[in-house]
C-alpha cells in the first residue's frame, strides 16, 4: 500500500529532513526494512552469483545494470517481499509486504490518534 492511498502525505517526515519534492515519510518508513529487504536482497544476489560481467554496461563514467538484468533484481525483490517468515513480535507467519502495509496503517493511527509508534523488529 502506498502512503497516499493510505491517506498519508509522503512528504511528512520525522527521521528525514523534509524538502521540496522529497518523500521524507517514505524514506522514514523504509529505514527499519533496509536491512531485511534491501541489504539482504543484494547480498543474496551477490552470494548466489546471479550477475555476471555481461549483466553490466559502462556508460556516463560508471557501470550500470543492463535493462534485461534489472529484471533479475525485480524478480528477486518480489520473491523476498512474498517470502513468509514467523514474525516473533506477534507470533504469526507473514511477509514483508504485509508488514509494510500494516506499518502504513499504523502510521496513520500515529498521526490521527496519537498512538505510540510500534517499530518493525526483525527476528
PDB file of N, CA and C in Angstrom:
ATOM      1  N   UNK A   1       0.844  -1.172   0.000  1.00  0.00           N
ATOM      2  CA  UNK A   1       0.000   0.000   0.000  1.00  0.00           C
ATOM      3  C   UNK A   1       0.891   1.237   0.000  1.00  0.00           C
ATOM      4  N   UNK A   2       0.573   2.149  -0.853  1.00  0.00           N
ATOM      5  CA  UNK A   2       1.296   3.404  -0.906  1.00  0.00           C
ATOM      6  C   UNK A   2       0.802   4.329   0.203  1.00  0.00           C
ATOM      7  N   UNK A   3       1.652   5.220   0.623  1.00  0.00           N
ATOM      8  CA  UNK A   3       1.264   6.153   1.664  1.00  0.00           C
ATOM      9  C   UNK A   3       0.065   7.002   1.237  1.00  0.00           C
ATOM     10  N   UNK A   4       0.090   7.505   0.027  1.00  0.00           N
ATOM     11  CA  UNK A   4      -1.032   8.346  -0.451  1.00  0.00           C
ATOM     12  C   UNK A   4      -2.347   7.572  -0.444  1.00  0.00           C
ATOM     13  N   UNK A   5      -2.329   6.323  -0.927  1.00  0.00           N
ATOM     14  CA  UNK A   5      -3.566   5.549  -0.942  1.00  0.00           C
ATOM     15  C   UNK A   5      -4.004   5.189   0.471  1.00  0.00           C
ATOM     16  N   UNK A   6      -3.079   5.236   1.421  1.00  0.00           N
ATOM     17  CA  UNK A   6      -3.417   5.022   2.824  1.00  0.00           C
ATOM     18  C   UNK A   6      -3.867   6.296   3.519  1.00  0.00           C
ATOM     19  N   UNK A   7      -3.912   7.402   2.753  1.00  0.00           N
ATOM     20  CA  UNK A   7      -4.369   8.669   3.311  1.00  0.00           C
ATOM     21  C   UNK A   7      -3.300   9.446   4.054  1.00  0.00           C
ATOM     22  N   UNK A   8      -2.036   9.207   3.713  1.00  0.00           N
ATOM     23  CA  UNK A   8      -0.922   9.855   4.410  1.00  0.00           C
ATOM     24  C   UNK A   8      -0.079  10.633   3.411  1.00  0.00           C
ATOM     25  N   UNK A   9       0.335  11.809   3.784  1.00  0.00           N
ATOM     26  CA  UNK A   9       1.191  12.642   2.934  1.00  0.00           C
ATOM     27  C   UNK A   9       2.639  12.139   3.026  1.00  0.00           C
ATOM     28  N   UNK A  10       3.225  11.672   1.910  1.00  0.00           N
ATOM     29  CA  UNK A  10       4.588  11.126   1.957  1.00  0.00           C
ATOM     30  C   UNK A  10       5.670  12.164   2.227  1.00  0.00           C
ATOM     31  N   UNK A  11       5.354  13.436   2.151  1.00  0.00           N
ATOM     32  CA  UNK A  11       6.342  14.474   2.428  1.00  0.00           C
ATOM     33  C   UNK A  11       6.547  14.747   3.906  1.00  0.00           C
ATOM     34  N   UNK A  12       5.623  14.293   4.753  1.00  0.00           N
ATOM     35  CA  UNK A  12       5.784  14.473   6.192  1.00  0.00           C
ATOM     36  C   UNK A  12       6.847  13.507   6.670  1.00  0.00           C
ATOM     37  N   UNK A  13       7.874  13.984   7.267  1.00  0.00           N
ATOM     38  CA  UNK A  13       8.914  13.087   7.749  1.00  0.00           C
ATOM     39  C   UNK A  13       9.254  13.371   9.192  1.00  0.00           C
ATOM     40  N   UNK A  14       9.762  12.377   9.863  1.00  0.00           N
ATOM     41  CA  UNK A  14      10.230  12.588  11.229  1.00  0.00           C
ATOM     42  C   UNK A  14      11.667  12.135  11.408  1.00  0.00           C
ATOM     43  N   UNK A  15      12.206  11.370  10.493  1.00  0.00           N
ATOM     44  CA  UNK A  15      13.621  10.997  10.530  1.00  0.00           C
ATOM     45  C   UNK A  15      14.410  11.736   9.448  1.00  0.00           C
ATOM     46  N   UNK A  16      13.813  11.846   8.269  1.00  0.00           N
ATOM     47  CA  UNK A  16      14.468  12.521   7.150  1.00  0.00           C
ATOM     48  C   UNK A  16      13.974  13.966   7.065  1.00  0.00           C
ATOM     49  N   UNK A  17      14.873  14.849   6.750  1.00  0.00           N
ATOM     50  CA  UNK A  17      14.564  16.269   6.634  1.00  0.00           C
ATOM     51  C   UNK A  17      13.578  16.510   5.488  1.00  0.00           C
ATOM     52  N   UNK A  18      12.447  17.148   5.775  1.00  0.00           N
ATOM     53  CA  UNK A  18      11.515  17.464   4.685  1.00  0.00           C
ATOM     54  C   UNK A  18      12.125  18.493   3.721  1.00  0.00           C
ATOM     55  N   UNK A  19      12.000  18.230   2.447  1.00  0.00           N
ATOM     56  CA  UNK A  19      12.453  19.141   1.397  1.00  0.00           C
ATOM     57  C   UNK A  19      11.425  19.086   0.280  1.00  0.00           C
ATOM     58  N   UNK A  20      11.459  20.069  -0.602  1.00  0.00           N
ATOM     59  CA  UNK A  20      10.542  20.073  -1.735  1.00  0.00           C
ATOM     60  C   UNK A  20      10.706  18.792  -2.547  1.00  0.00           C
ATOM     61  N   UNK A  21       9.587  18.179  -2.861  1.00  0.00           N
ATOM     62  CA  UNK A  21       9.533  17.007  -3.735  1.00  0.00           C
ATOM     63  C   UNK A  21      10.307  15.795  -3.200  1.00  0.00           C
ATOM     64  N   UNK A  22      10.579  15.768  -1.907  1.00  0.00           N
ATOM     65  CA  UNK A  22      11.275  14.633  -1.296  1.00  0.00           C
ATOM     66  C   UNK A  22      10.261  13.856  -0.454  1.00  0.00           C
ATOM     67  N   UNK A  23      10.084  12.570  -0.712  1.00  0.00           N
ATOM     68  CA  UNK A  23       9.116  11.781   0.057  1.00  0.00           C
ATOM     69  C   UNK A  23       9.705  11.346   1.408  1.00  0.00           C
ATOM     70  N   UNK A  24       9.883  12.297   2.307  1.00  0.00           N
ATOM     71  CA  UNK A  24      10.574  12.040   3.575  1.00  0.00           C
ATOM     72  C   UNK A  24       9.947  10.901   4.370  1.00  0.00           C
ATOM     73  N   UNK A  25       8.618  10.854   4.440  1.00  0.00           N
ATOM     74  CA  UNK A  25       7.975   9.788   5.210  1.00  0.00           C
ATOM     75  C   UNK A  25       8.198   8.425   4.552  1.00  0.00           C
ATOM     76  N   UNK A  26       8.216   8.392   3.241  1.00  0.00           N
ATOM     77  CA  UNK A  26       8.507   7.136   2.538  1.00  0.00           C
ATOM     78  C   UNK A  26       9.900   6.633   2.916  1.00  0.00           C
ATOM     79  N   UNK A  27      10.845   7.550   2.980  1.00  0.00           N
ATOM     80  CA  UNK A  27      12.212   7.184   3.371  1.00  0.00           C
ATOM     81  C   UNK A  27      12.255   6.754   4.832  1.00  0.00           C
ATOM     82  N   UNK A  28      11.482   7.439   5.694  1.00  0.00           N
ATOM     83  CA  UNK A  28      11.404   7.052   7.107  1.00  0.00           C
ATOM     84  C   UNK A  28      10.858   5.635   7.244  1.00  0.00           C
ATOM     85  N   UNK A  29       9.821   5.345   6.470  1.00  0.00           N
ATOM     86  CA  UNK A  29       9.181   4.033   6.514  1.00  0.00           C
ATOM     87  C   UNK A  29      10.141   2.928   6.081  1.00  0.00           C
ATOM     88  N   UNK A  30      11.011   3.232   5.140  1.00  0.00           N
ATOM     89  CA  UNK A  30      11.954   2.245   4.615  1.00  0.00           C
ATOM     90  C   UNK A  30      13.036   1.859   5.623  1.00  0.00           C
ATOM     91  N   UNK A  31      13.424   2.769   6.493  1.00  0.00           N
ATOM     92  CA  UNK A  31      14.582   2.543   7.374  1.00  0.00           C
ATOM     93  C   UNK A  31      14.566   1.191   8.102  1.00  0.00           C
ATOM     94  N   UNK A  32      13.491   0.806   8.793  1.00  0.00           N
ATOM     95  CA  UNK A  32      13.533  -0.480   9.502  1.00  0.00           C
ATOM     96  C   UNK A  32      13.592  -1.687   8.570  1.00  0.00           C
ATOM     97  N   UNK A  33      13.219  -1.489   7.303  1.00  0.00           N
ATOM     98  CA  UNK A  33      13.194  -2.590   6.341  1.00  0.00           C
ATOM     99  C   UNK A  33      14.443  -2.632   5.469  1.00  0.00           C
ATOM    100  N   UNK A  34      15.320  -1.656   5.640  1.00  0.00           N
ATOM    101  CA  UNK A  34      16.510  -1.570   4.792  1.00  0.00           C
ATOM    102  C   UNK A  34      17.362  -2.843   4.881  1.00  0.00           C
ATOM    103  N   UNK A  35      17.642  -3.291   6.071  1.00  0.00           N
ATOM    104  CA  UNK A  35      18.495  -4.473   6.226  1.00  0.00           C
ATOM    105  C   UNK A  35      17.805  -5.762   5.770  1.00  0.00           C
ATOM    106  N   UNK A  36      16.592  -6.075   6.275  1.00  0.00           N
ATOM    107  CA  UNK A  36      15.982  -7.343   5.861  1.00  0.00           C
ATOM    108  C   UNK A  36      15.518  -7.374   4.412  1.00  0.00           C
ATOM    109  N   UNK A  37      15.333  -6.219   3.807  1.00  0.00           N
ATOM    110  CA  UNK A  37      14.881  -6.205   2.414  1.00  0.00           C
ATOM    111  C   UNK A  37      16.016  -5.842   1.468  1.00  0.00           C
ATOM    112  N   UNK A  38      16.507  -4.634   1.555  1.00  0.00           N
ATOM    113  CA  UNK A  38      17.491  -4.143   0.583  1.00  0.00           C
ATOM    114  C   UNK A  38      18.851  -4.817   0.730  1.00  0.00           C
ATOM    115  N   UNK A  39      19.426  -4.745   1.925  1.00  0.00           N
ATOM    116  CA  UNK A  39      20.760  -5.314   2.137  1.00  0.00           C
ATOM    117  C   UNK A  39      20.764  -6.819   1.900  1.00  0.00           C
ATOM    118  N   UNK A  40      19.756  -7.507   2.458  1.00  0.00           N
ATOM    119  CA  UNK A  40      19.696  -8.966   2.306  1.00  0.00           C
ATOM    120  C   UNK A  40      19.488  -9.365   0.845  1.00  0.00           C
ATOM    121  N   UNK A  41      18.713  -8.577   0.119  1.00  0.00           N
ATOM    122  CA  UNK A  41      18.476  -8.858  -1.295  1.00  0.00           C
ATOM    123  C   UNK A  41      19.771  -8.765  -2.097  1.00  0.00           C
ATOM    124  N   UNK A  42      20.513  -7.706  -1.889  1.00  0.00           N
ATOM    125  CA  UNK A  42      21.774  -7.508  -2.614  1.00  0.00           C
ATOM    126  C   UNK A  42      22.776  -8.599  -2.250  1.00  0.00           C
ATOM    127  N   UNK A  43      22.919  -8.879  -0.965  1.00  0.00           N
ATOM    128  CA  UNK A  43      23.861  -9.918  -0.534  1.00  0.00           C
ATOM    129  C   UNK A  43      23.481 -11.288  -1.090  1.00  0.00           C
ATOM    130  N   UNK A  44      22.188 -11.605  -1.078  1.00  0.00           N
ATOM    131  CA  UNK A  44      21.730 -12.883  -1.626  1.00  0.00           C
ATOM    132  C   UNK A  44      22.063 -12.982  -3.108  1.00  0.00           C
ATOM    133  N   UNK A  45      21.825 -11.920  -3.852  1.00  0.00           N
ATOM    134  CA  UNK A  45      22.097 -11.948  -5.294  1.00  0.00           C
ATOM    135  C   UNK A  45      23.595 -12.064  -5.573  1.00  0.00           C
ATOM    136  N   UNK A  46      24.412 -11.397  -4.781  1.00  0.00           N
ATOM    137  CA  UNK A  46      25.865 -11.480  -4.969  1.00  0.00           C
ATOM    138  C   UNK A  46      26.394 -12.849  -4.558  1.00  0.00           C
ATOM    139  N   UNK A  47      25.942 -13.356  -3.407  1.00  0.00           N
ATOM    140  CA  UNK A  47      26.409 -14.657  -2.920  1.00  0.00           C
ATOM    141  C   UNK A  47      26.019 -15.806  -3.848  1.00  0.00           C
ATOM    142  N   UNK A  48      24.888 -15.695  -4.500  1.00  0.00           N
ATOM    143  CA  UNK A  48      24.439 -16.746  -5.413  1.00  0.00           C
ATOM    144  C   UNK A  48      24.846 -16.471  -6.857  1.00  0.00           C
ATOM    145  N   UNK A  49      25.701 -15.486  -7.020  1.00  0.00           N
ATOM    146  CA  UNK A  49      26.285 -15.155  -8.326  1.00  0.00           C
ATOM    147  C   UNK A  49      25.219 -15.033  -9.420  1.00  0.00           C
ATOM    148  N   UNK A  50      24.199 -14.248  -9.116  1.00  0.00           N
ATOM    149  CA  UNK A  50      23.121 -14.043 -10.089  1.00  0.00           C
ATOM    150  C   UNK A  50      23.485 -13.027 -11.171  1.00  0.00           C
ATOM    151  N   UNK A  51      24.642 -12.401 -11.022  1.00  0.00           N
ATOM    152  CA  UNK A  51      25.101 -11.440 -12.013  1.00  0.00           C
ATOM    153  C   UNK A  51      26.470 -11.830 -12.531  1.00  0.00           C
ATOM    154  N   UNK A  52      26.696 -11.563 -13.795  1.00  0.00           N
ATOM    155  CA  UNK A  52      28.000 -11.749 -14.412  1.00  0.00           C
ATOM    156  C   UNK A  52      28.403 -10.454 -15.100  1.00  0.00           C
ATOM    157  N   UNK A  53      29.579 -10.459 -15.679  1.00  0.00           N
ATOM    158  CA  UNK A  53      30.072  -9.257 -16.366  1.00  0.00           C
ATOM    159  C   UNK A  53      29.115  -8.792 -17.452  1.00  0.00           C
ATOM    160  N   UNK A  54      28.473  -9.737 -18.116  1.00  0.00           N
ATOM    161  CA  UNK A  54      27.584  -9.378 -19.221  1.00  0.00           C
ATOM    162  C   UNK A  54      26.281  -8.721 -18.759  1.00  0.00           C
ATOM    163  N   UNK A  55      26.045  -8.667 -17.462  1.00  0.00           N
ATOM    164  CA  UNK A  55      24.854  -8.003 -16.933  1.00  0.00           C
ATOM    165  C   UNK A  55      25.043  -6.491 -16.790  1.00  0.00           C
ATOM    166  N   UNK A  56      26.277  -6.025 -16.961  1.00  0.00           N
ATOM    167  CA  UNK A  56      26.574  -4.611 -16.747  1.00  0.00           C
ATOM    168  C   UNK A  56      27.060  -3.959 -18.029  1.00  0.00           C
ATOM    169  N   UNK A  57      26.845  -2.650 -18.093  1.00  0.00           N
ATOM    170  CA  UNK A  57      27.357  -1.866 -19.216  1.00  0.00           C
ATOM    171  C   UNK A  57      27.991  -0.591 -18.670  1.00  0.00           C
ATOM    172  N   UNK A  58      29.005  -0.132 -19.369  1.00  0.00           N
ATOM    173  CA  UNK A  58      29.698   1.094 -18.978  1.00  0.00           C
ATOM    174  C   UNK A  58      29.118   2.254 -19.777  1.00  0.00           C
ATOM    175  N   UNK A  59      28.676   3.278 -19.083  1.00  0.00           N
ATOM    176  CA  UNK A  59      28.209   4.491 -19.760  1.00  0.00           C
ATOM    177  C   UNK A  59      28.239   5.655 -18.772  1.00  0.00           C
ATOM    178  N   UNK A  60      28.414   6.823 -19.287  1.00  0.00           N
ATOM    179  CA  UNK A  60      28.420   8.044 -18.476  1.00  0.00           C
ATOM    180  C   UNK A  60      29.378   7.963 -17.280  1.00  0.00           C
ATOM    181  N   UNK A  61      30.497   7.284 -17.471  1.00  0.00           N
ATOM    182  CA  UNK A  61      31.512   7.225 -16.424  1.00  0.00           C
ATOM    183  C   UNK A  61      31.258   6.214 -15.321  1.00  0.00           C
ATOM    184  N   UNK A  62      30.295   5.304 -15.509  1.00  0.00           N
ATOM    185  CA  UNK A  62      30.014   4.316 -14.470  1.00  0.00           C
ATOM    186  C   UNK A  62      29.474   3.027 -15.064  1.00  0.00           C
ATOM    187  N   UNK A  63      29.338   2.016 -14.212  1.00  0.00           N
ATOM    188  CA  UNK A  63      28.794   0.727 -14.621  1.00  0.00           C
ATOM    189  C   UNK A  63      27.354   0.621 -14.134  1.00  0.00           C
ATOM    190  N   UNK A  64      26.486   0.191 -15.038  1.00  0.00           N
ATOM    191  CA  UNK A  64      25.069   0.094 -14.742  1.00  0.00           C
ATOM    192  C   UNK A  64      24.542  -1.264 -15.175  1.00  0.00           C
ATOM    193  N   UNK A  65      23.487  -1.730 -14.465  1.00  0.00           N
ATOM    194  CA  UNK A  65      22.833  -2.961 -14.886  1.00  0.00           C
ATOM    195  C   UNK A  65      22.128  -2.726 -16.211  1.00  0.00           C
ATOM    196  N   UNK A  66      22.247  -3.684 -17.088  1.00  0.00           N
ATOM    197  CA  UNK A  66      21.514  -3.612 -18.352  1.00  0.00           C
ATOM    198  C   UNK A  66      20.021  -3.793 -18.070  1.00  0.00           C
ATOM    199  N   UNK A  67      19.239  -3.330 -19.006  1.00  0.00           N
ATOM    200  CA  UNK A  67      17.780  -3.386 -18.838  1.00  0.00           C
ATOM    201  C   UNK A  67      17.289  -4.798 -18.509  1.00  0.00           C
ATOM    202  N   UNK A  68      17.719  -5.779 -19.271  1.00  0.00           N
ATOM    203  CA  UNK A  68      17.304  -7.163 -19.031  1.00  0.00           C
ATOM    204  C   UNK A  68      17.782  -7.696 -17.687  1.00  0.00           C
ATOM    205  N   UNK A  69      18.923  -7.235 -17.256  1.00  0.00           N
ATOM    206  CA  UNK A  69      19.477  -7.685 -15.975  1.00  0.00           C
ATOM    207  C   UNK A  69      18.720  -7.097 -14.796  1.00  0.00           C
ATOM    208  N   UNK A  70      18.133  -5.930 -14.989  1.00  0.00           N
ATOM    209  CA  UNK A  70      17.331  -5.329 -13.914  1.00  0.00           C
ATOM    210  C   UNK A  70      16.116  -6.186 -13.594  1.00  0.00           C
ATOM    211  N   UNK A  71      15.649  -6.934 -14.576  1.00  0.00           N
ATOM    212  CA  UNK A  71      14.521  -7.845 -14.337  1.00  0.00           C
ATOM    213  C   UNK A  71      14.858  -8.864 -13.247  1.00  0.00           C
ATOM    214  N   UNK A  72      16.119  -9.286 -13.206  1.00  0.00           N
ATOM    215  CA  UNK A  72      16.556 -10.221 -12.163  1.00  0.00           C
ATOM    216  C   UNK A  72      16.355  -9.606 -10.776  1.00  0.00           C
ATOM    217  N   UNK A  73      16.661  -8.320 -10.671  1.00  0.00           N
ATOM    218  CA  UNK A  73      16.503  -7.628  -9.388  1.00  0.00           C
ATOM    219  C   UNK A  73      15.023  -7.549  -9.016  1.00  0.00           C
ATOM    220  N   UNK A  74      14.179  -7.179  -9.978  1.00  0.00           N
ATOM    221  CA  UNK A  74      12.748  -7.060  -9.694  1.00  0.00           C
ATOM    222  C   UNK A  74      12.144  -8.401  -9.298  1.00  0.00           C
ATOM    223  N   UNK A  75      12.565  -9.463  -9.956  1.00  0.00           N
ATOM    224  CA  UNK A  75      12.069 -10.792  -9.615  1.00  0.00           C
ATOM    225  C   UNK A  75      12.514 -11.180  -8.206  1.00  0.00           C
ATOM    226  N   UNK A  76      13.782 -10.969  -7.892  1.00  0.00           N
ATOM    227  CA  UNK A  76      14.299 -11.298  -6.558  1.00  0.00           C
ATOM    228  C   UNK A  76      13.618 -10.444  -5.481  1.00  0.00           C
ATOM    229  N   UNK A  77      13.343  -9.187  -5.812  1.00  0.00           N
ATOM    230  CA  UNK A  77      12.642  -8.295  -4.884  1.00  0.00           C
ATOM    231  C   UNK A  77      11.243  -8.844  -4.579  1.00  0.00           C
ATOM    232  N   UNK A  78      10.516  -9.216  -5.614  1.00  0.00           N
ATOM    233  CA  UNK A  78       9.163  -9.743  -5.412  1.00  0.00           C
ATOM    234  C   UNK A  78       9.191 -11.029  -4.593  1.00  0.00           C
ATOM    235  N   UNK A  79      10.166 -11.879  -4.860  1.00  0.00           N
ATOM    236  CA  UNK A  79      10.278 -13.120  -4.092  1.00  0.00           C
ATOM    237  C   UNK A  79      10.550 -12.826  -2.622  1.00  0.00           C
ATOM    238  N   UNK A  80      11.408 -11.868  -2.351  1.00  0.00           N
ATOM    239  CA  UNK A  80      11.720 -11.512  -0.964  1.00  0.00           C
ATOM    240  C   UNK A  80      10.510 -10.889  -0.277  1.00  0.00           C
ATOM    241  N   UNK A  81       9.774 -10.058  -0.979  1.00  0.00           N
ATOM    242  CA  UNK A  81       8.597  -9.413  -0.396  1.00  0.00           C
ATOM    243  C   UNK A  81       7.505 -10.426  -0.051  1.00  0.00           C
ATOM    244  N   UNK A  82       7.446 -11.535  -0.790  1.00  0.00           N
ATOM    245  CA  UNK A  82       6.392 -12.531  -0.573  1.00  0.00           C
ATOM    246  C   UNK A  82       6.854 -13.750   0.226  1.00  0.00           C
ATOM    247  N   UNK A  83       8.136 -13.802   0.574  1.00  0.00           N
ATOM    248  CA  UNK A  83       8.649 -14.935   1.354  1.00  0.00           C
ATOM    249  C   UNK A  83       8.083 -14.869   2.776  1.00  0.00           C
ATOM    250  N   UNK A  84       7.443 -15.941   3.198  1.00  0.00           N
ATOM    251  CA  UNK A  84       6.861 -15.965   4.542  1.00  0.00           C
ATOM    252  C   UNK A  84       7.930 -16.215   5.592  1.00  0.00           C
ATOM    253  N   UNK A  85       7.720 -15.611   6.745  1.00  0.00           N
ATOM    254  CA  UNK A  85       8.580 -15.840   7.901  1.00  0.00           C
ATOM    255  C   UNK A  85       7.717 -15.742   9.150  1.00  0.00           C
ATOM    256  N   UNK A  86       8.203 -16.302  10.247  1.00  0.00           N
ATOM    257  CA  UNK A  86       7.483 -16.223  11.506  1.00  0.00           C
ATOM    258  C   UNK A  86       7.860 -14.913  12.191  1.00  0.00           C
ATOM    259  N   UNK A  87       6.917 -14.017  12.308  1.00  0.00           N
ATOM    260  CA  UNK A  87       7.146 -12.719  12.939  1.00  0.00           C
ATOM    261  C   UNK A  87       6.962 -12.884  14.431  1.00  0.00           C
ATOM    262  N   UNK A  88       8.062 -13.015  15.139  1.00  0.00           N
ATOM    263  CA  UNK A  88       8.034 -13.358  16.555  1.00  0.00           C
ATOM    264  C   UNK A  88       7.426 -12.279  17.441  1.00  0.00           C
ATOM    265  N   UNK A  89       7.407 -11.030  16.973  1.00  0.00           N
ATOM    266  CA  UNK A  89       6.818  -9.957  17.774  1.00  0.00           C
ATOM    267  C   UNK A  89       5.351 -10.259  18.065  1.00  0.00           C
ATOM    268  N   UNK A  90       4.623 -10.751  17.047  1.00  0.00           N
ATOM    269  CA  UNK A  90       3.206 -11.078  17.218  1.00  0.00           C
ATOM    270  C   UNK A  90       2.936 -12.570  17.076  1.00  0.00           C
ATOM    271  N   UNK A  91       3.973 -13.358  16.856  1.00  0.00           N
ATOM    272  CA  UNK A  91       3.897 -14.809  16.756  1.00  0.00           C
ATOM    273  C   UNK A  91       2.921 -15.289  15.678  1.00  0.00           C
ATOM    274  N   UNK A  92       3.139 -14.848  14.448  1.00  0.00           N
ATOM    275  CA  UNK A  92       2.383 -15.352  13.310  1.00  0.00           C
ATOM    276  C   UNK A  92       3.243 -15.293  12.061  1.00  0.00           C
ATOM    277  N   UNK A  93       2.840 -16.072  11.052  1.00  0.00           N
ATOM    278  CA  UNK A  93       3.567 -16.091   9.779  1.00  0.00           C
ATOM    279  C   UNK A  93       3.047 -14.958   8.916  1.00  0.00           C
ATOM    280  N   UNK A  94       3.978 -14.273   8.266  1.00  0.00           N
ATOM    281  CA  UNK A  94       3.606 -13.135   7.438  1.00  0.00           C
ATOM    282  C   UNK A  94       4.681 -12.894   6.395  1.00  0.00           C
ATOM    283  N   UNK A  95       4.529 -11.831   5.638  1.00  0.00           N
ATOM    284  CA  UNK A  95       5.514 -11.438   4.629  1.00  0.00           C
ATOM    285  C   UNK A  95       5.926  -9.990   4.886  1.00  0.00           C
ATOM    286  N   UNK A  96       7.053  -9.596   4.306  1.00  0.00           N
ATOM    287  CA  UNK A  96       7.468  -8.198   4.428  1.00  0.00           C
ATOM    288  C   UNK A  96       6.425  -7.268   3.804  1.00  0.00           C
ATOM    289  N   UNK A  97       5.828  -7.681   2.701  1.00  0.00           N
ATOM    290  CA  UNK A  97       4.800  -6.856   2.055  1.00  0.00           C
ATOM    291  C   UNK A  97       3.641  -6.594   3.022  1.00  0.00           C
ATOM    292  N   UNK A  98       3.200  -7.619   3.722  1.00  0.00           N
ATOM    293  CA  UNK A  98       2.103  -7.453   4.687  1.00  0.00           C
ATOM    294  C   UNK A  98       2.505  -6.564   5.851  1.00  0.00           C
ATOM    295  N   UNK A  99       3.715  -6.745   6.335  1.00  0.00           N
ATOM    296  CA  UNK A  99       4.187  -5.927   7.458  1.00  0.00           C
ATOM    297  C   UNK A  99       4.285  -4.462   7.042  1.00  0.00           C
ATOM    298  N   UNK A 100       4.744  -4.199   5.829  1.00  0.00           N
ATOM    299  CA  UNK A 100       4.838  -2.810   5.358  1.00  0.00           C
ATOM    300  C   UNK A 100       3.438  -2.200   5.260  1.00  0.00           C
ATOM    301  N   UNK A 101       2.474  -2.949   4.742  1.00  0.00           N
ATOM    302  CA  UNK A 101       1.094  -2.452   4.678  1.00  0.00           C
ATOM    303  C   UNK A 101       0.559  -2.153   6.076  1.00  0.00           C
ATOM    304  N   UNK A 102       0.819  -3.054   7.011  1.00  0.00           N
ATOM    305  CA  UNK A 102       0.376  -2.833   8.393  1.00  0.00           C
ATOM    306  C   UNK A 102       1.068  -1.609   8.997  1.00  0.00           C
ATOM    307  N   UNK A 103       2.328  -1.409   8.655  1.00  0.00           N
ATOM    308  CA  UNK A 103       3.063  -0.264   9.169  1.00  0.00           C
ATOM    309  C   UNK A 103       2.475   1.045   8.657  1.00  0.00           C
ATOM    310  N   UNK A 104       2.075   1.080   7.389  1.00  0.00           N
ATOM    311  CA  UNK A 104       1.433   2.275   6.828  1.00  0.00           C
ATOM    312  C   UNK A 104       0.140   2.574   7.587  1.00  0.00           C
ATOM    313  N   UNK A 105      -0.671   1.551   7.812  1.00  0.00           N
ATOM    314  CA  UNK A 105      -1.919   1.749   8.557  1.00  0.00           C
ATOM    315  C   UNK A 105      -1.643   2.216   9.987  1.00  0.00           C
ATOM    316  N   UNK A 106      -0.604   1.643  10.586  1.00  0.00           N
ATOM    317  CA  UNK A 106      -0.258   2.051  11.949  1.00  0.00           C
ATOM    318  C   UNK A 106       0.222   3.510  11.974  1.00  0.00           C
ATOM    319  N   UNK A 107       1.004   3.917  10.971  1.00  0.00           N
ATOM    320  CA  UNK A 107       1.457   5.306  10.912  1.00  0.00           C
ATOM    321  C   UNK A 107       0.283   6.270  10.819  1.00  0.00           C
ATOM    322  N   UNK A 108      -0.749   5.871  10.102  1.00  0.00           N
ATOM    323  CA  UNK A 108      -1.938   6.710  10.021  1.00  0.00           C
ATOM    324  C   UNK A 108      -2.543   6.903  11.411  1.00  0.00           C
ATOM    325  N   UNK A 109      -2.591   5.829  12.197  1.00  0.00           N
ATOM    326  CA  UNK A 109      -3.094   5.934  13.572  1.00  0.00           C
ATOM    327  C   UNK A 109      -2.182   6.800  14.441  1.00  0.00           C
ATOM    328  N   UNK A 110      -0.880   6.693  14.194  1.00  0.00           N
ATOM    329  CA  UNK A 110       0.071   7.520  14.941  1.00  0.00           C
ATOM    330  C   UNK A 110      -0.244   8.996  14.725  1.00  0.00           C
ATOM    331  N   UNK A 111      -0.472   9.373  13.455  1.00  0.00           N
ATOM    332  CA  UNK A 111      -0.747  10.770  13.137  1.00  0.00           C
ATOM    333  C   UNK A 111      -2.144  11.204  13.560  1.00  0.00           C
ATOM    334  N   UNK A 112      -3.136  10.351  13.352  1.00  0.00           N
ATOM    335  CA  UNK A 112      -4.524  10.733  13.584  1.00  0.00           C
ATOM    336  C   UNK A 112      -4.967  10.564  15.036  1.00  0.00           C
ATOM    337  N   UNK A 113      -4.505   9.495  15.670  1.00  0.00           N
ATOM    338  CA  UNK A 113      -4.981   9.170  17.016  1.00  0.00           C
ATOM    339  C   UNK A 113      -3.904   9.323  18.083  1.00  0.00           C
ATOM    340  N   UNK A 114      -2.708   9.697  17.623  1.00  0.00           N
ATOM    341  CA  UNK A 114      -1.574   9.917  18.532  1.00  0.00           C
ATOM    342  C   UNK A 114      -1.232   8.679  19.379  1.00  0.00           C
ATOM    343  N   UNK A 115      -1.290   7.510  18.749  1.00  0.00           N
ATOM    344  CA  UNK A 115      -0.855   6.295  19.436  1.00  0.00           C
ATOM    345  C   UNK A 115       0.668   6.206  19.311  1.00  0.00           C
ATOM    346  N   UNK A 116       1.279   5.395  20.149  1.00  0.00           N
ATOM    347  CA  UNK A 116       2.728   5.223  20.102  1.00  0.00           C
ATOM    348  C   UNK A 116       3.148   4.469  18.846  1.00  0.00           C
ATOM    349  N   UNK A 117       4.320   4.815  18.346  1.00  0.00           N
ATOM    350  CA  UNK A 117       4.890   4.112  17.201  1.00  0.00           C
ATOM    351  C   UNK A 117       5.363   2.732  17.661  1.00  0.00           C
ATOM    352  N   UNK A 118       4.984   1.710  16.904  1.00  0.00           N
ATOM    353  CA  UNK A 118       5.463   0.347  17.161  1.00  0.00           C
ATOM    354  C   UNK A 118       6.382   0.008  15.999  1.00  0.00           C
ATOM    355  N   UNK A 119       7.700   0.016  16.227  1.00  0.00           N
ATOM    356  CA  UNK A 119       8.625  -0.220  15.117  1.00  0.00           C
ATOM    357  C   UNK A 119       8.690  -1.682  14.697  1.00  0.00           C
ATOM    358  N   UNK A 120       9.057  -1.894  13.441  1.00  0.00           N
ATOM    359  CA  UNK A 120       9.299  -3.246  12.936  1.00  0.00           C
ATOM    360  C   UNK A 120      10.591  -3.757  13.551  1.00  0.00           C
ATOM    361  N   UNK A 121      10.564  -4.984  14.034  1.00  0.00           N
ATOM    362  CA  UNK A 121      11.756  -5.630  14.575  1.00  0.00           C
ATOM    363  C   UNK A 121      11.907  -6.967  13.897  1.00  0.00           C
ATOM    364  N   UNK A 122      13.023  -7.136  13.209  1.00  0.00           N
ATOM    365  CA  UNK A 122      13.288  -8.409  12.537  1.00  0.00           C
ATOM    366  C   UNK A 122      13.700  -9.434  13.576  1.00  0.00           C
ATOM    367  N   UNK A 123      13.248 -10.675  13.394  1.00  0.00           N
ATOM    368  CA  UNK A 123      13.582 -11.762  14.320  1.00  0.00           C
ATOM    369  C   UNK A 123      15.071 -11.952  14.393  1.00  0.00           C
TER     370      UNK A 123
END
